Amino acid sequence: DWNVGIYLPSGSRNIYVDAIQVERAANDGAAYFPTSYIPTSATAATRAAEKLSYSLPVSFKSEKGGFQLWFKPNWTRAISGDNTDKYIFYIPNVMRVRLDATNDRWAIEHYNGSTWVLTVNTTADVSPYVWNHLVCGWYYNYNYCRLNGNAYASGTGWTPQDPSGQIIYIGSDPNGQNQINAEVAAFTLFDSYLDTSFQYQMYLNRGDFRDFFRTDQALLSDI
């Protein structure tokens, strides 16, 4: 147990707190991580499920494109109750990328009009508490991805769906559930297929985390 105080030298001054995040140590197996509190009243309240959503760029293609991001997981499967799938992003009826919680491996799924089709499943575990890199490209029933530089390819077919007017949810499903519970940096969508050499160069460029200022839609890079 611990208390945190903020000293104000005068009673006429105010301080406003947007949120407080409490992070457990990596070896603390009894607590969830992270836990956030928003002081909306005199009593601390656990933050409700939130959604980070953007209008999908009009040039996004379900039949050809790519994405990349860096992420630092704040979870392990050893934590009681932290065994649900977690989403990097979710585009309803188009595409989703989720952590398969049974094995700590990423699954890339495309929607074929009636069901989700698993097209790529990484075979290496994701490392918690350190930065990981995931990049993928796809075109016409082919996917090629790299997790921390290691390559995964699949020729599994699906029927690409029209993404027009869709919303992309980053870090959760459309209901704000199955949250990624990780730090995410340099998330980027591409409107062209990313070949193997380009993907590996993005992994090697690990120091270039950029800030994107637009909030009305996800970044799309035209290569």
Protein backbone atom coordinates (compact mmCIF):
# COMPACT_ATOMS: atom_id res chain seq x y z
CA ASP A 1 0.00 0.00 0.00
CA TRP A 2 1.18 3.52 -0.75
CA ASN A 3 -0.08 7.08 -0.94
CA VAL A 4 0.84 9.85 -3.36
CA GLY A 5 0.42 13.51 -2.46
CA ILE A 6 0.79 16.78 -4.38
CA TYR A 7 1.85 19.83 -2.38
CA LEU A 8 0.27 23.22 -3.20
CA PRO A 9 1.95 26.24 -1.59
CA SER A 10 -1.28 28.22 -1.51
CA GLY A 11 -4.89 27.27 -0.93
CA SER A 12 -5.94 29.48 -3.84
CA ARG A 13 -4.15 27.35 -6.40
CA ASN A 14 -5.64 24.37 -8.22
CA ILE A 15 -4.13 21.34 -9.89
CA TYR A 16 -6.01 19.25 -12.45
CA VAL A 17 -5.28 15.57 -12.94
CA ASP A 18 -6.46 13.87 -16.13
CA ALA A 19 -5.56 10.33 -15.08
CA ILE A 20 -3.23 8.30 -12.94
CA GLN A 21 -1.77 5.03 -14.20
CA VAL A 22 -0.36 2.49 -11.77
CA GLU A 23 1.95 -0.11 -13.31
CA ARG A 24 2.95 -3.27 -11.54
CA ALA A 25 6.40 -4.82 -11.59
CA ALA A 26 7.02 -7.60 -14.11
CA ASN A 27 7.39 -10.17 -11.34
CA ASP A 28 4.12 -9.23 -9.62
CA GLY A 29 1.84 -12.10 -10.59
CA ALA A 30 -1.07 -11.04 -8.42
CA ALA A 31 -2.04 -7.76 -10.09
CA TYR A 32 -3.28 -6.61 -13.48
CA PHE A 33 -1.19 -4.25 -15.54
CA PRO A 34 -1.75 -1.46 -16.25
CA THR A 35 -4.55 -0.15 -14.05
CA SER A 36 -5.79 3.40 -14.54
CA TYR A 37 -7.87 5.71 -12.41
CA ILE A 38 -9.70 8.83 -13.53
CA PRO A 39 -10.65 11.20 -10.69
CA THR A 40 -14.20 11.99 -11.75
CA SER A 41 -15.34 12.20 -8.12
CA ALA A 42 -13.91 11.97 -4.64
CA THR A 43 -13.73 8.20 -5.06
CA ALA A 44 -11.24 6.65 -7.49
CA ALA A 45 -12.92 4.77 -10.33
CA THR A 46 -11.39 2.14 -12.59
CA ARG A 47 -11.37 3.31 -16.18
CA ALA A 48 -14.10 1.76 -18.33
CA ALA A 49 -13.34 0.13 -21.67
CA GLU A 50 -12.35 2.72 -24.23
CA LYS A 51 -12.15 2.70 -28.02
CA LEU A 52 -9.50 4.31 -30.18
CA SER A 53 -11.21 4.50 -33.55
CA TYR A 54 -10.65 6.32 -36.84
CA SER A 55 -12.33 6.54 -40.22
CA LEU A 56 -10.59 4.13 -42.54
CA PRO A 57 -8.68 6.01 -45.29
CA VAL A 58 -10.61 5.88 -48.57
CA SER A 59 -7.56 4.47 -50.40
CA PHE A 60 -7.27 1.47 -48.05
CA LYS A 61 -7.61 -1.77 -50.01
CA SER A 62 -8.71 -5.08 -48.53
CA GLU A 63 -7.17 -6.93 -51.50
CA LYS A 64 -3.75 -5.22 -51.30
CA GLY A 65 -1.96 -3.30 -48.58
CA GLY A 66 0.12 -3.47 -45.44
CA PHE A 67 0.66 -2.28 -41.91
CA GLN A 68 3.47 -1.97 -39.39
CA LEU A 69 3.87 -1.02 -35.74
CA TRP A 70 6.08 -1.33 -32.68
CA PHE A 71 4.46 -2.60 -29.50
CA LYS A 72 5.57 -3.24 -25.94
CA PRO A 73 3.29 -5.81 -24.26
CA ASN A 74 2.43 -5.31 -20.62
CA TRP A 75 1.10 -8.79 -19.98
CA THR A 76 2.02 -12.42 -19.52
CA ARG A 77 -0.22 -15.45 -19.77
CA ALA A 78 0.75 -16.32 -16.19
CA ILE A 79 -1.46 -13.53 -14.83
CA SER A 80 -4.75 -14.96 -13.60
CA GLY A 81 -7.57 -13.72 -15.82
CA ASP A 82 -5.29 -12.15 -18.46
CA ASN A 83 -5.89 -14.93 -20.97
CA THR A 84 -8.20 -13.33 -23.53
CA ASP A 85 -7.30 -12.54 -27.13
CA LYS A 86 -5.93 -9.03 -27.68
CA TYR A 87 -6.32 -6.93 -30.83
CA ILE A 88 -3.75 -4.69 -32.50
CA PHE A 89 -6.51 -3.44 -34.78
CA TYR A 90 -9.94 -4.49 -35.95
CA ILE A 91 -11.75 -3.43 -39.14
CA PRO A 92 -15.26 -4.92 -38.96
CA ASN A 93 -16.07 -7.30 -41.81
CA VAL A 94 -12.68 -6.63 -43.43
CA MET A 95 -9.60 -7.55 -41.41
CA ARG A 96 -8.30 -7.97 -37.87
CA VAL A 97 -5.00 -8.73 -36.18
CA ARG A 98 -5.19 -10.41 -32.79
CA LEU A 99 -2.97 -12.06 -30.23
CA ASP A 100 -4.01 -15.67 -29.80
CA ALA A 101 -3.93 -15.76 -25.99
CA THR A 102 -3.45 -19.52 -25.88
CA ASN A 103 0.11 -19.22 -27.19
CA ASP A 104 1.16 -15.53 -27.29
CA ARG A 105 1.33 -15.51 -31.09
CA TRP A 106 -0.21 -13.13 -33.61
CA ALA A 107 -2.99 -14.18 -35.95
CA ILE A 108 -3.82 -12.16 -39.08
CA GLU A 109 -7.40 -12.74 -40.23
CA HIS A 110 -9.35 -11.53 -43.28
CA TYR A 111 -13.13 -11.58 -43.61
CA ASN A 112 -14.50 -13.48 -46.61
CA GLY A 113 -18.14 -12.39 -46.43
CA SER A 114 -19.37 -14.91 -43.86
CA THR A 115 -16.47 -15.98 -41.64
CA TRP A 116 -13.03 -14.86 -40.53
CA VAL A 117 -10.20 -16.65 -42.34
CA LEU A 118 -6.92 -17.19 -40.51
CA THR A 119 -4.28 -16.35 -43.13
CA VAL A 120 -1.08 -16.00 -41.07
CA ASN A 121 -0.17 -17.31 -37.63
CA THR A 122 3.29 -16.44 -36.29
CA THR A 123 5.17 -19.34 -34.76
CA ALA A 124 7.31 -17.33 -32.31
CA ASP A 125 6.08 -16.06 -28.96
CA VAL A 126 5.84 -12.34 -28.40
CA SER A 127 8.23 -11.06 -25.73
CA PRO A 128 6.52 -9.08 -22.92
CA TYR A 129 7.94 -5.87 -21.42
CA VAL A 130 10.20 -5.13 -24.42
CA TRP A 131 9.57 -3.50 -27.82
CA ASN A 132 8.49 -5.89 -30.59
CA HIS A 133 8.01 -5.11 -34.28
CA LEU A 134 5.25 -6.50 -36.50
CA VAL A 135 4.90 -5.68 -40.19
CA CYS A 136 2.68 -7.35 -42.81
CA GLY A 137 1.80 -7.03 -46.47
CA TRP A 138 -0.92 -8.76 -48.43
CA TYR A 139 -2.28 -9.03 -51.97
CA TYR A 140 -4.68 -11.34 -53.77
CA ASN A 141 -4.81 -14.23 -51.30
CA TYR A 142 -1.19 -13.95 -50.19
CA ASN A 143 0.24 -12.63 -46.90
CA TYR A 144 3.82 -11.97 -45.91
CA CYS A 145 4.72 -10.79 -42.40
CA ARG A 146 7.74 -10.29 -40.17
CA LEU A 147 7.72 -10.44 -36.38
CA ASN A 148 10.96 -9.00 -35.00
CA GLY A 149 12.59 -9.66 -38.36
CA ASN A 150 11.44 -13.30 -38.64
CA ALA A 151 9.41 -14.02 -41.76
CA TYR A 152 6.02 -15.74 -42.08
CA ALA A 153 4.17 -16.29 -45.35
CA SER A 154 0.85 -17.83 -46.32
CA GLY A 155 -1.06 -18.49 -49.51
CA THR A 156 -4.38 -19.04 -47.74
CA GLY A 157 -7.17 -17.55 -49.83
CA TRP A 158 -10.09 -15.31 -48.89
CA THR A 159 -12.63 -13.12 -50.65
CA PRO A 160 -11.68 -9.46 -50.01
CA GLN A 161 -14.56 -7.32 -48.73
CA ASP A 162 -15.38 -3.70 -49.54
CA PRO A 163 -13.86 -1.51 -46.78
CA SER A 164 -15.76 1.63 -47.80
CA GLY A 165 -17.10 3.59 -44.84
CA GLN A 166 -15.56 1.28 -42.27
CA ILE A 167 -13.94 2.25 -38.97
CA ILE A 168 -10.58 0.97 -37.79
CA TYR A 169 -10.36 0.24 -34.08
CA ILE A 170 -6.80 0.34 -32.76
CA GLY A 171 -5.95 -1.60 -29.64
CA SER A 172 -9.34 -3.26 -29.11
CA ASP A 173 -12.35 -4.80 -30.80
CA PRO A 174 -15.30 -2.58 -31.88
CA ASN A 175 -16.81 -2.82 -28.39
CA GLY A 176 -13.69 -1.63 -26.61
CA GLN A 177 -13.01 -5.14 -25.35
CA ASN A 178 -9.99 -7.43 -25.85
CA GLN A 179 -7.66 -4.47 -25.39
CA ILE A 180 -4.06 -4.85 -26.46
CA ASN A 181 -2.71 -3.87 -23.02
CA ALA A 182 0.54 -2.64 -24.55
CA GLU A 183 2.35 0.51 -25.61
CA VAL A 184 2.07 1.09 -29.37
CA ALA A 185 4.28 3.29 -31.54
CA ALA A 186 4.56 4.13 -35.24
CA PHE A 187 1.35 2.35 -36.30
CA THR A 188 1.03 2.84 -40.05
CA LEU A 189 -1.29 1.59 -42.80
CA PHE A 190 -0.09 1.24 -46.39
CA ASP A 191 -2.09 1.11 -49.62
CA SER A 192 0.49 -1.08 -51.37
CA TYR A 193 1.99 -4.49 -50.70
CA LEU A 194 5.16 -4.43 -48.57
CA ASP A 195 7.79 -6.80 -49.95
CA THR A 196 10.29 -8.72 -47.83
CA SER A 197 13.21 -6.29 -48.16
CA PHE A 198 11.06 -3.27 -47.34
CA GLN A 199 9.65 -5.03 -44.28
CA TYR A 200 13.09 -5.93 -43.00
CA GLN A 201 14.32 -2.37 -43.46
CA MET A 202 11.40 -1.15 -41.36
CA TYR A 203 12.47 -3.53 -38.62
CA LEU A 204 16.07 -2.28 -38.78
CA ASN A 205 14.81 1.30 -38.59
CA ARG A 206 13.86 0.67 -34.98
CA GLY A 207 14.83 4.10 -33.70
CA ASP A 208 12.52 6.13 -35.92
CA PHE A 209 9.31 6.56 -33.88
CA ARG A 210 7.33 9.39 -35.45
CA ASP A 211 4.55 11.58 -34.13
CA PHE A 212 1.40 11.89 -36.22
CA PHE A 213 -0.80 14.86 -35.49
CA ARG A 214 -4.00 14.08 -37.40
CA THR A 215 -6.71 12.52 -35.28
CA ASP A 216 -9.55 12.18 -37.78
CA GLN A 217 -8.15 9.17 -39.63
CA ALA A 218 -5.35 6.63 -39.38
CA LEU A 219 -2.14 7.44 -41.18
CA LEU A 220 -1.87 5.95 -44.68
CA SER A 221 1.43 5.92 -46.55
CA ASP A 222 1.47 5.83 -50.34
CA ILE A 223 4.55 3.98 -51.49
